[in-house]
């Protein structure tokens, strides 16, 4: 039988059910959070814009981290050692 045609074992099926339940709970929590923000006067468009900007920020930060990592390899140092040189905090 192909891998896709096998039935999941009881343990893996239970793990999947548990994961599905956790995702449903997370979805409900996010819906409540969105409802609260809307009640505080935020608009969906504004929330979507903030989410979009956060994604863009994370993409740029990831690219920066990748470049710092490559530079660290070239120089034979750790990324952490480069932070002071570029006025970065470890929490950045």
Protein backbone atom coordinates (compact mmCIF):
# COMPACT_ATOMS: atom_id res chain seq x y z
CA UNK A 1 0.00 0.00 0.00
CA UNK A 2 1.11 3.57 -0.69
CA UNK A 3 1.85 5.88 2.25
CA UNK A 4 -1.29 7.92 1.57
CA UNK A 5 -3.54 4.87 1.68
CA UNK A 6 -2.51 3.66 5.13
CA UNK A 7 -4.88 4.25 8.00
CA UNK A 8 -3.45 6.25 10.88
CA UNK A 9 -2.74 4.31 14.06
CA UNK A 10 -4.88 4.97 17.10
CA UNK A 11 -2.15 7.09 18.68
CA UNK A 12 -1.55 9.23 15.60
CA UNK A 13 -5.29 9.59 15.01
CA UNK A 14 -5.75 10.77 18.60
CA UNK A 15 -2.84 13.19 18.18
CA UNK A 16 -4.49 14.58 15.04
CA UNK A 17 -7.82 14.95 16.85
CA UNK A 18 -6.05 16.75 19.69
CA UNK A 19 -4.27 19.07 17.26
CA UNK A 20 -7.54 19.82 15.46
CA UNK A 21 -9.18 20.66 18.79
CA UNK A 22 -6.28 22.94 19.73
CA UNK A 23 -6.56 24.72 16.37
CA UNK A 24 -10.31 25.17 16.86
CA UNK A 25 -9.69 26.68 20.30
CA UNK A 26 -7.03 28.99 18.86
CA UNK A 27 -9.44 30.03 16.11
CA UNK A 28 -12.11 30.87 18.71
CA UNK A 29 -9.60 32.83 20.77
CA UNK A 30 -8.55 34.83 17.71
CA UNK A 31 -12.18 35.50 16.82
CA UNK A 32 -12.75 36.83 20.37
CA UNK A 33 -9.63 38.99 20.10
CA UNK A 34 -10.78 40.41 16.77
CA UNK A 35 -14.23 41.12 18.20
CA UNK A 36 -12.65 42.94 21.14
CA UNK A 37 -10.48 45.06 18.85
CA UNK A 38 -13.50 45.90 16.70
CA UNK A 39 -15.44 46.91 19.81
CA UNK A 40 -12.54 49.20 20.74
CA UNK A 41 -12.98 51.06 17.47
CA UNK A 42 -10.46 49.37 15.19
CA UNK A 43 -11.59 48.61 11.66
CA UNK A 44 -10.94 45.38 9.79
CA UNK A 45 -9.01 47.32 7.17
CA UNK A 46 -6.78 48.82 9.86
CA UNK A 47 -6.19 45.41 11.43
CA UNK A 48 -5.40 43.89 8.03
CA UNK A 49 -2.95 46.73 7.33
CA UNK A 50 -1.19 46.12 10.66
CA UNK A 51 -0.98 42.39 9.94
CA UNK A 52 0.42 43.12 6.48
CA UNK A 53 3.01 45.49 7.94
CA UNK A 54 4.00 42.90 10.56
CA UNK A 55 4.51 40.30 7.82
CA UNK A 56 6.65 42.77 5.87
CA UNK A 57 8.66 43.61 8.99
CA UNK A 58 9.24 39.92 9.72
CA UNK A 59 10.36 39.28 6.13
CA UNK A 60 12.82 42.17 6.30
CA UNK A 61 14.07 41.06 9.73
CA UNK A 62 14.56 37.50 8.44
CA UNK A 63 16.57 38.83 5.48
CA UNK A 64 18.70 40.92 7.83
CA UNK A 65 19.33 37.94 10.08
CA UNK A 66 20.31 35.86 7.06
CA UNK A 67 22.78 38.54 5.92
CA UNK A 68 24.24 38.85 9.42
CA UNK A 69 24.64 35.08 9.52
CA UNK A 70 26.47 35.02 6.18
CA UNK A 71 28.71 37.90 7.25
CA UNK A 72 29.48 36.12 10.51
CA UNK A 73 30.52 32.99 8.58
CA UNK A 74 32.74 35.03 6.27
CA UNK A 75 34.41 36.74 9.22
CA UNK A 76 34.58 33.56 11.30
CA UNK A 77 32.65 35.03 14.22
CA UNK A 78 29.23 34.47 15.74
CA UNK A 79 26.24 36.55 14.73
CA UNK A 80 26.04 37.76 18.33
CA UNK A 81 29.52 39.24 18.01
CA UNK A 82 28.35 41.42 15.09
CA UNK A 83 25.49 43.04 16.99
CA UNK A 84 27.53 45.78 18.73
CA UNK A 85 29.22 46.70 15.44
CA UNK A 86 25.81 47.52 13.94
CA UNK A 87 24.28 49.01 17.13
CA UNK A 88 21.86 46.10 17.47
CA UNK A 89 20.41 44.79 20.71
CA UNK A 90 20.23 41.04 21.27
CA UNK A 91 16.45 41.42 21.44
CA UNK A 92 16.40 42.92 17.89
